[in-house]
Amino acid sequence: MLKVIHRMGTKSLVAHLYDQKLSRIELYKEEFTDKENKWVSEYCQAKYEKMMEIREKIIEDGGIVDETIICAEVLGPDFSNEENDD
């Protein structure tokens, strides 16, 4: 079950990724911020900041960024809304 409710409507996350050409981490930000770009919860903001921290570290170290792996590491293996709809 989701700890917080996203605000992306009924369109799938994949459709949003394709339409807006967002990275997975930036899509997470879109899901959990309002129209004024304010976070819906401190929990969501902290998770986003952790993902960005990991991403920046990988870039600094010259590694290849895989945002799906970063999201799974920070949010857990069931981070996709499709997997959490019950």
PDB file of N, CA and C in Angstrom:
ATOM      1  N   MET A   1       0.837  -1.171   0.000  1.00  0.00           N
ATOM      2  CA  MET A   1       0.000   0.000   0.000  1.00  0.00           C
ATOM      3  C   MET A   1       0.889   1.244   0.000  1.00  0.00           C
ATOM      4  N   LEU A   2       0.466   2.268  -0.720  1.00  0.00           N
ATOM      5  CA  LEU A   2       1.208   3.524  -0.763  1.00  0.00           C
ATOM      6  C   LEU A   2       1.134   4.252   0.570  1.00  0.00           C
ATOM      7  N   LYS A   3       2.242   4.865   0.986  1.00  0.00           N
ATOM      8  CA  LYS A   3       2.254   5.658   2.212  1.00  0.00           C
ATOM      9  C   LYS A   3       1.662   7.036   1.970  1.00  0.00           C
ATOM     10  N   VAL A   4       1.758   7.526   0.744  1.00  0.00           N
ATOM     11  CA  VAL A   4       1.179   8.813   0.361  1.00  0.00           C
ATOM     12  C   VAL A   4       0.511   8.649  -1.001  1.00  0.00           C
ATOM     13  N   ILE A   5      -0.424   9.513  -1.284  1.00  0.00           N
ATOM     14  CA  ILE A   5      -1.160   9.440  -2.538  1.00  0.00           C
ATOM     15  C   ILE A   5      -0.488  10.340  -3.573  1.00  0.00           C
ATOM     16  N   HIS A   6      -0.229   9.782  -4.747  1.00  0.00           N
ATOM     17  CA  HIS A   6       0.352  10.600  -5.815  1.00  0.00           C
ATOM     18  C   HIS A   6      -0.741  11.466  -6.427  1.00  0.00           C
ATOM     19  N   ARG A   7      -0.345  12.438  -7.226  1.00  0.00           N
ATOM     20  CA  ARG A   7      -1.304  13.352  -7.835  1.00  0.00           C
ATOM     21  C   ARG A   7      -1.196  13.359  -9.348  1.00  0.00           C
ATOM     22  N   MET A   8      -0.931  12.201  -9.941  1.00  0.00           N
ATOM     23  CA  MET A   8      -0.717  12.128 -11.384  1.00  0.00           C
ATOM     24  C   MET A   8      -1.959  11.674 -12.155  1.00  0.00           C
ATOM     25  N   GLY A   9      -3.068  11.464 -11.488  1.00  0.00           N
ATOM     26  CA  GLY A   9      -4.283  11.061 -12.177  1.00  0.00           C
ATOM     27  C   GLY A   9      -4.276   9.594 -12.563  1.00  0.00           C
ATOM     28  N   THR A  10      -5.087   9.262 -13.562  1.00  0.00           N
ATOM     29  CA  THR A  10      -5.239   7.859 -13.944  1.00  0.00           C
ATOM     30  C   THR A  10      -4.253   7.418 -15.021  1.00  0.00           C
ATOM     31  N   LYS A  11      -3.562   8.343 -15.622  1.00  0.00           N
ATOM     32  CA  LYS A  11      -2.573   8.013 -16.652  1.00  0.00           C
ATOM     33  C   LYS A  11      -1.430   7.232 -16.008  1.00  0.00           C
ATOM     34  N   SER A  12      -0.937   6.221 -16.693  1.00  0.00           N
ATOM     35  CA  SER A  12       0.142   5.407 -16.130  1.00  0.00           C
ATOM     36  C   SER A  12       1.441   6.199 -16.029  1.00  0.00           C
ATOM     37  N   LEU A  13       2.309   5.746 -15.148  1.00  0.00           N
ATOM     38  CA  LEU A  13       3.608   6.401 -14.987  1.00  0.00           C
ATOM     39  C   LEU A  13       4.419   6.335 -16.278  1.00  0.00           C
ATOM     40  N   VAL A  14       4.317   5.232 -16.983  1.00  0.00           N
ATOM     41  CA  VAL A  14       5.042   5.084 -18.246  1.00  0.00           C
ATOM     42  C   VAL A  14       4.560   6.133 -19.248  1.00  0.00           C
ATOM     43  N   ALA A  15       3.264   6.368 -19.291  1.00  0.00           N
ATOM     44  CA  ALA A  15       2.722   7.378 -20.203  1.00  0.00           C
ATOM     45  C   ALA A  15       3.236   8.768 -19.841  1.00  0.00           C
ATOM     46  N   HIS A  16       3.308   9.069 -18.553  1.00  0.00           N
ATOM     47  CA  HIS A  16       3.860  10.360 -18.124  1.00  0.00           C
ATOM     48  C   HIS A  16       5.336  10.473 -18.496  1.00  0.00           C
ATOM     49  N   LEU A  17       6.084   9.415 -18.292  1.00  0.00           N
ATOM     50  CA  LEU A  17       7.500   9.426 -18.661  1.00  0.00           C
ATOM     51  C   LEU A  17       7.661   9.729 -20.147  1.00  0.00           C
ATOM     52  N   TYR A  18       6.859   9.072 -20.956  1.00  0.00           N
ATOM     53  CA  TYR A  18       6.946   9.244 -22.403  1.00  0.00           C
ATOM     54  C   TYR A  18       6.506  10.649 -22.814  1.00  0.00           C
ATOM     55  N   ASP A  19       5.352  11.083 -22.318  1.00  0.00           N
ATOM     56  CA  ASP A  19       4.795  12.379 -22.709  1.00  0.00           C
ATOM     57  C   ASP A  19       5.674  13.550 -22.285  1.00  0.00           C
ATOM     58  N   GLN A  20       6.173  13.511 -21.074  1.00  0.00           N
ATOM     59  CA  GLN A  20       6.913  14.646 -20.528  1.00  0.00           C
ATOM     60  C   GLN A  20       8.421  14.488 -20.658  1.00  0.00           C
ATOM     61  N   LYS A  21       8.857  13.333 -21.112  1.00  0.00           N
ATOM     62  CA  LYS A  21      10.286  13.051 -21.259  1.00  0.00           C
ATOM     63  C   LYS A  21      11.039  13.326 -19.954  1.00  0.00           C
ATOM     64  N   LEU A  22      10.451  12.865 -18.856  1.00  0.00           N
ATOM     65  CA  LEU A  22      11.046  13.027 -17.536  1.00  0.00           C
ATOM     66  C   LEU A  22      11.875  11.805 -17.176  1.00  0.00           C
ATOM     67  N   SER A  23      12.906  12.028 -16.383  1.00  0.00           N
ATOM     68  CA  SER A  23      13.636  10.897 -15.821  1.00  0.00           C
ATOM     69  C   SER A  23      12.764  10.284 -14.729  1.00  0.00           C
ATOM     70  N   ARG A  24      13.071   9.079 -14.316  1.00  0.00           N
ATOM     71  CA  ARG A  24      12.270   8.398 -13.286  1.00  0.00           C
ATOM     72  C   ARG A  24      12.265   9.195 -11.982  1.00  0.00           C
ATOM     73  N   ILE A  25      13.403   9.765 -11.617  1.00  0.00           N
ATOM     74  CA  ILE A  25      13.482  10.537 -10.377  1.00  0.00           C
ATOM     75  C   ILE A  25      12.685  11.834 -10.502  1.00  0.00           C
ATOM     76  N   GLU A  26      12.758  12.486 -11.647  1.00  0.00           N
ATOM     77  CA  GLU A  26      11.988  13.717 -11.843  1.00  0.00           C
ATOM     78  C   GLU A  26      10.488  13.418 -11.899  1.00  0.00           C
ATOM     79  N   LEU A  27      10.118  12.257 -12.427  1.00  0.00           N
ATOM     80  CA  LEU A  27       8.709  11.872 -12.410  1.00  0.00           C
ATOM     81  C   LEU A  27       8.231  11.706 -10.973  1.00  0.00           C
ATOM     82  N   TYR A  28       9.073  11.120 -10.118  1.00  0.00           N
ATOM     83  CA  TYR A  28       8.728  10.995  -8.699  1.00  0.00           C
ATOM     84  C   TYR A  28       8.427  12.377  -8.123  1.00  0.00           C
ATOM     85  N   LYS A  29       9.259  13.360  -8.461  1.00  0.00           N
ATOM     86  CA  LYS A  29       9.036  14.726  -7.975  1.00  0.00           C
ATOM     87  C   LYS A  29       7.699  15.262  -8.483  1.00  0.00           C
ATOM     88  N   GLU A  30       7.386  15.033  -9.754  1.00  0.00           N
ATOM     89  CA  GLU A  30       6.105  15.469 -10.322  1.00  0.00           C
ATOM     90  C   GLU A  30       4.927  14.818  -9.598  1.00  0.00           C
ATOM     91  N   GLU A  31       5.095  13.549  -9.244  1.00  0.00           N
ATOM     92  CA  GLU A  31       4.020  12.807  -8.577  1.00  0.00           C
ATOM     93  C   GLU A  31       3.674  13.390  -7.218  1.00  0.00           C
ATOM     94  N   PHE A  32       4.684  13.877  -6.509  1.00  0.00           N
ATOM     95  CA  PHE A  32       4.495  14.214  -5.102  1.00  0.00           C
ATOM     96  C   PHE A  32       4.745  15.677  -4.764  1.00  0.00           C
ATOM     97  N   THR A  33       4.610  16.561  -5.769  1.00  0.00           N
ATOM     98  CA  THR A  33       4.602  18.000  -5.519  1.00  0.00           C
ATOM     99  C   THR A  33       3.322  18.573  -6.109  1.00  0.00           C
ATOM    100  N   ASP A  34       2.887  19.700  -5.532  1.00  0.00           N
ATOM    101  CA  ASP A  34       1.661  20.325  -6.020  1.00  0.00           C
ATOM    102  C   ASP A  34       1.971  21.346  -7.113  1.00  0.00           C
ATOM    103  N   LYS A  35       0.968  22.101  -7.517  1.00  0.00           N
ATOM    104  CA  LYS A  35       1.136  23.067  -8.607  1.00  0.00           C
ATOM    105  C   LYS A  35       2.149  24.155  -8.276  1.00  0.00           C
ATOM    106  N   GLU A  36       2.329  24.453  -6.996  1.00  0.00           N
ATOM    107  CA  GLU A  36       3.322  25.449  -6.569  1.00  0.00           C
ATOM    108  C   GLU A  36       4.688  24.813  -6.331  1.00  0.00           C
ATOM    109  N   ASN A  37       4.824  23.549  -6.709  1.00  0.00           N
ATOM    110  CA  ASN A  37       6.071  22.795  -6.554  1.00  0.00           C
ATOM    111  C   ASN A  37       6.425  22.543  -5.086  1.00  0.00           C
ATOM    112  N   LYS A  38       5.405  22.474  -4.230  1.00  0.00           N
ATOM    113  CA  LYS A  38       5.596  22.153  -2.814  1.00  0.00           C
ATOM    114  C   LYS A  38       5.345  20.663  -2.622  1.00  0.00           C
ATOM    115  N   TRP A  39       6.161  20.045  -1.788  1.00  0.00           N
ATOM    116  CA  TRP A  39       6.042  18.609  -1.536  1.00  0.00           C
ATOM    117  C   TRP A  39       4.764  18.303  -0.767  1.00  0.00           C
ATOM    118  N   VAL A  40       4.141  17.164  -1.089  1.00  0.00           N
ATOM    119  CA  VAL A  40       2.933  16.754  -0.377  1.00  0.00           C
ATOM    120  C   VAL A  40       3.258  16.262   1.028  1.00  0.00           C
ATOM    121  N   SER A  41       4.514  15.848   1.253  1.00  0.00           N
ATOM    122  CA  SER A  41       4.940  15.434   2.589  1.00  0.00           C
ATOM    123  C   SER A  41       6.458  15.536   2.702  1.00  0.00           C
ATOM    124  N   GLU A  42       6.925  15.662   3.928  1.00  0.00           N
ATOM    125  CA  GLU A  42       8.370  15.683   4.173  1.00  0.00           C
ATOM    126  C   GLU A  42       8.989  14.334   3.825  1.00  0.00           C
ATOM    127  N   TYR A  43       8.241  13.266   4.018  1.00  0.00           N
ATOM    128  CA  TYR A  43       8.692  11.915   3.681  1.00  0.00           C
ATOM    129  C   TYR A  43       9.068  11.838   2.200  1.00  0.00           C
ATOM    130  N   CYS A  44       8.179  12.322   1.332  1.00  0.00           N
ATOM    131  CA  CYS A  44       8.437  12.287  -0.114  1.00  0.00           C
ATOM    132  C   CYS A  44       9.629  13.160  -0.480  1.00  0.00           C
ATOM    133  N   GLN A  45       9.729  14.313   0.135  1.00  0.00           N
ATOM    134  CA  GLN A  45      10.852  15.202  -0.142  1.00  0.00           C
ATOM    135  C   GLN A  45      12.171  14.553   0.257  1.00  0.00           C
ATOM    136  N   ALA A  46      12.195  13.913   1.415  1.00  0.00           N
ATOM    137  CA  ALA A  46      13.416  13.248   1.885  1.00  0.00           C
ATOM    138  C   ALA A  46      13.825  12.118   0.937  1.00  0.00           C
ATOM    139  N   LYS A  47      12.856  11.362   0.445  1.00  0.00           N
ATOM    140  CA  LYS A  47      13.156  10.273  -0.495  1.00  0.00           C
ATOM    141  C   LYS A  47      13.739  10.830  -1.795  1.00  0.00           C
ATOM    142  N   TYR A  48      13.158  11.913  -2.298  1.00  0.00           N
ATOM    143  CA  TYR A  48      13.669  12.541  -3.518  1.00  0.00           C
ATOM    144  C   TYR A  48      15.100  13.032  -3.309  1.00  0.00           C
ATOM    145  N   GLU A  49      15.338  13.700  -2.207  1.00  0.00           N
ATOM    146  CA  GLU A  49      16.678  14.221  -1.930  1.00  0.00           C
ATOM    147  C   GLU A  49      17.703  13.095  -1.823  1.00  0.00           C
ATOM    148  N   LYS A  50      17.309  11.965  -1.243  1.00  0.00           N
ATOM    149  CA  LYS A  50      18.204  10.811  -1.149  1.00  0.00           C
ATOM    150  C   LYS A  50      18.510  10.260  -2.542  1.00  0.00           C
ATOM    151  N   MET A  51      17.491  10.174  -3.394  1.00  0.00           N
ATOM    152  CA  MET A  51      17.720   9.688  -4.757  1.00  0.00           C
ATOM    153  C   MET A  51      18.669  10.610  -5.517  1.00  0.00           C
ATOM    154  N   MET A  52      18.485  11.915  -5.372  1.00  0.00           N
ATOM    155  CA  MET A  52      19.358  12.874  -6.056  1.00  0.00           C
ATOM    156  C   MET A  52      20.787  12.798  -5.517  1.00  0.00           C
ATOM    157  N   GLU A  53      20.919  12.579  -4.223  1.00  0.00           N
ATOM    158  CA  GLU A  53      22.243  12.439  -3.610  1.00  0.00           C
ATOM    159  C   GLU A  53      22.983  11.228  -4.195  1.00  0.00           C
ATOM    160  N   ILE A  54      22.291  10.109  -4.298  1.00  0.00           N
ATOM    161  CA  ILE A  54      22.887   8.896  -4.869  1.00  0.00           C
ATOM    162  C   ILE A  54      23.243   9.131  -6.333  1.00  0.00           C
ATOM    163  N   ARG A  55      22.330   9.754  -7.072  1.00  0.00           N
ATOM    164  CA  ARG A  55      22.563  10.035  -8.494  1.00  0.00           C
ATOM    165  C   ARG A  55      23.810  10.893  -8.681  1.00  0.00           C
ATOM    166  N   GLU A  56      23.921  11.966  -7.905  1.00  0.00           N
ATOM    167  CA  GLU A  56      25.081  12.862  -8.011  1.00  0.00           C
ATOM    168  C   GLU A  56      26.382  12.145  -7.661  1.00  0.00           C
ATOM    169  N   LYS A  57      26.344  11.264  -6.668  1.00  0.00           N
ATOM    170  CA  LYS A  57      27.530  10.507  -6.269  1.00  0.00           C
ATOM    171  C   LYS A  57      27.989   9.599  -7.410  1.00  0.00           C
ATOM    172  N   ILE A  58      27.043   8.949  -8.063  1.00  0.00           N
ATOM    173  CA  ILE A  58      27.376   8.076  -9.193  1.00  0.00           C
ATOM    174  C   ILE A  58      28.026   8.889 -10.308  1.00  0.00           C
ATOM    175  N   ILE A  59      27.457  10.049 -10.606  1.00  0.00           N
ATOM    176  CA  ILE A  59      28.009  10.914 -11.655  1.00  0.00           C
ATOM    177  C   ILE A  59      29.411  11.373 -11.286  1.00  0.00           C
ATOM    178  N   GLU A  60      29.591  11.810 -10.040  1.00  0.00           N
ATOM    179  CA  GLU A  60      30.914  12.259  -9.577  1.00  0.00           C
ATOM    180  C   GLU A  60      31.958  11.156  -9.688  1.00  0.00           C
ATOM    181  N   ASP A  61      31.534   9.926  -9.442  1.00  0.00           N
ATOM    182  CA  ASP A  61      32.447   8.780  -9.495  1.00  0.00           C
ATOM    183  C   ASP A  61      32.653   8.260 -10.916  1.00  0.00           C
ATOM    184  N   GLY A  62      31.988   8.887 -11.890  1.00  0.00           N
ATOM    185  CA  GLY A  62      32.143   8.486 -13.282  1.00  0.00           C
ATOM    186  C   GLY A  62      31.344   7.260 -13.665  1.00  0.00           C
ATOM    187  N   GLY A  63      30.357   6.920 -12.848  1.00  0.00           N
ATOM    188  CA  GLY A  63      29.547   5.739 -13.126  1.00  0.00           C
ATOM    189  C   GLY A  63      28.396   6.026 -14.068  1.00  0.00           C
ATOM    190  N   ILE A  64      27.679   4.979 -14.403  1.00  0.00           N
ATOM    191  CA  ILE A  64      26.503   5.080 -15.263  1.00  0.00           C
ATOM    192  C   ILE A  64      25.270   5.095 -14.371  1.00  0.00           C
ATOM    193  N   VAL A  65      24.447   6.114 -14.541  1.00  0.00           N
ATOM    194  CA  VAL A  65      23.255   6.285 -13.712  1.00  0.00           C
ATOM    195  C   VAL A  65      22.124   5.409 -14.242  1.00  0.00           C
ATOM    196  N   ASP A  66      21.576   4.572 -13.368  1.00  0.00           N
ATOM    197  CA  ASP A  66      20.376   3.796 -13.673  1.00  0.00           C
ATOM    198  C   ASP A  66      19.334   4.201 -12.633  1.00  0.00           C
ATOM    199  N   GLU A  67      18.430   5.088 -13.032  1.00  0.00           N
ATOM    200  CA  GLU A  67      17.475   5.642 -12.078  1.00  0.00           C
ATOM    201  C   GLU A  67      16.481   4.611 -11.558  1.00  0.00           C
ATOM    202  N   THR A  68      16.223   3.566 -12.311  1.00  0.00           N
ATOM    203  CA  THR A  68      15.338   2.511 -11.818  1.00  0.00           C
ATOM    204  C   THR A  68      15.964   1.832 -10.604  1.00  0.00           C
ATOM    205  N   ILE A  69      17.259   1.588 -10.664  1.00  0.00           N
ATOM    206  CA  ILE A  69      17.963   0.976  -9.531  1.00  0.00           C
ATOM    207  C   ILE A  69      17.993   1.931  -8.345  1.00  0.00           C
ATOM    208  N   ILE A  70      18.239   3.207  -8.608  1.00  0.00           N
ATOM    209  CA  ILE A  70      18.258   4.200  -7.527  1.00  0.00           C
ATOM    210  C   ILE A  70      16.892   4.259  -6.853  1.00  0.00           C
ATOM    211  N   CYS A  71      15.830   4.307  -7.640  1.00  0.00           N
ATOM    212  CA  CYS A  71      14.478   4.352  -7.074  1.00  0.00           C
ATOM    213  C   CYS A  71      14.188   3.112  -6.236  1.00  0.00           C
ATOM    214  N   ALA A  72      14.561   1.947  -6.740  1.00  0.00           N
ATOM    215  CA  ALA A  72      14.332   0.710  -5.993  1.00  0.00           C
ATOM    216  C   ALA A  72      15.116   0.708  -4.689  1.00  0.00           C
ATOM    217  N   GLU A  73      16.339   1.236  -4.720  1.00  0.00           N
ATOM    218  CA  GLU A  73      17.161   1.287  -3.511  1.00  0.00           C
ATOM    219  C   GLU A  73      16.545   2.205  -2.457  1.00  0.00           C
ATOM    220  N   VAL A  74      16.056   3.360  -2.876  1.00  0.00           N
ATOM    221  CA  VAL A  74      15.524   4.348  -1.933  1.00  0.00           C
ATOM    222  C   VAL A  74      14.074   4.067  -1.559  1.00  0.00           C
ATOM    223  N   LEU A  75      13.265   3.688  -2.535  1.00  0.00           N
ATOM    224  CA  LEU A  75      11.832   3.524  -2.307  1.00  0.00           C
ATOM    225  C   LEU A  75      11.423   2.090  -2.018  1.00  0.00           C
ATOM    226  N   GLY A  76      12.321   1.148  -2.249  1.00  0.00           N
ATOM    227  CA  GLY A  76      12.002  -0.258  -2.069  1.00  0.00           C
ATOM    228  C   GLY A  76      11.632  -0.877  -3.403  1.00  0.00           C
ATOM    229  N   PRO A  77      11.610  -2.194  -3.456  1.00  0.00           N
ATOM    230  CA  PRO A  77      11.382  -2.884  -4.731  1.00  0.00           C
ATOM    231  C   PRO A  77       9.987  -2.674  -5.316  1.00  0.00           C
ATOM    232  N   ASP A  78       9.025  -2.243  -4.512  1.00  0.00           N
ATOM    233  CA  ASP A  78       7.648  -2.056  -4.986  1.00  0.00           C
ATOM    234  C   ASP A  78       7.322  -0.588  -5.215  1.00  0.00           C
ATOM    235  N   PHE A  79       8.294   0.189  -5.739  1.00  0.00           N
ATOM    236  CA  PHE A  79       8.091   1.626  -5.879  1.00  0.00           C
ATOM    237  C   PHE A  79       7.105   2.008  -6.974  1.00  0.00           C
ATOM    238  N   SER A  80       6.843   1.157  -7.933  1.00  0.00           N
ATOM    239  CA  SER A  80       5.935   1.488  -9.033  1.00  0.00           C
ATOM    240  C   SER A  80       4.494   1.473  -8.552  1.00  0.00           C
ATOM    241  N   ASN A  81       3.721   2.500  -8.909  1.00  0.00           N
ATOM    242  CA  ASN A  81       2.308   2.559  -8.523  1.00  0.00           C
ATOM    243  C   ASN A  81       1.529   1.379  -9.062  1.00  0.00           C
ATOM    244  N   GLU A  82       1.882   0.908 -10.256  1.00  0.00           N
ATOM    245  CA  GLU A  82       1.164  -0.231 -10.816  1.00  0.00           C
ATOM    246  C   GLU A  82       1.289  -1.444  -9.904  1.00  0.00           C
ATOM    247  N   GLU A  83       2.413  -1.566  -9.230  1.00  0.00           N
ATOM    248  CA  GLU A  83       2.623  -2.699  -8.341  1.00  0.00           C
ATOM    249  C   GLU A  83       1.962  -2.481  -6.988  1.00  0.00           C
ATOM    250  N   ASN A  84       1.590  -1.233  -6.666  1.00  0.00           N
ATOM    251  CA  ASN A  84       1.026  -0.924  -5.359  1.00  0.00           C
ATOM    252  C   ASN A  84      -0.481  -0.744  -5.382  1.00  0.00           C
ATOM    253  N   ASP A  85      -1.109  -0.783  -6.535  1.00  0.00           N
ATOM    254  CA  ASP A  85      -2.548  -0.608  -6.607  1.00  0.00           C
ATOM    255  C   ASP A  85      -3.236  -1.860  -6.084  1.00  0.00           C
ATOM    256  N   ASP A  86      -3.931  -1.717  -4.978  1.00  0.00           N
ATOM    257  CA  ASP A  86      -4.670  -2.847  -4.394  1.00  0.00           C
ATOM    258  C   ASP A  86      -6.101  -2.461  -4.138  1.00  0.00           C
TER     259      ASP A  86
END
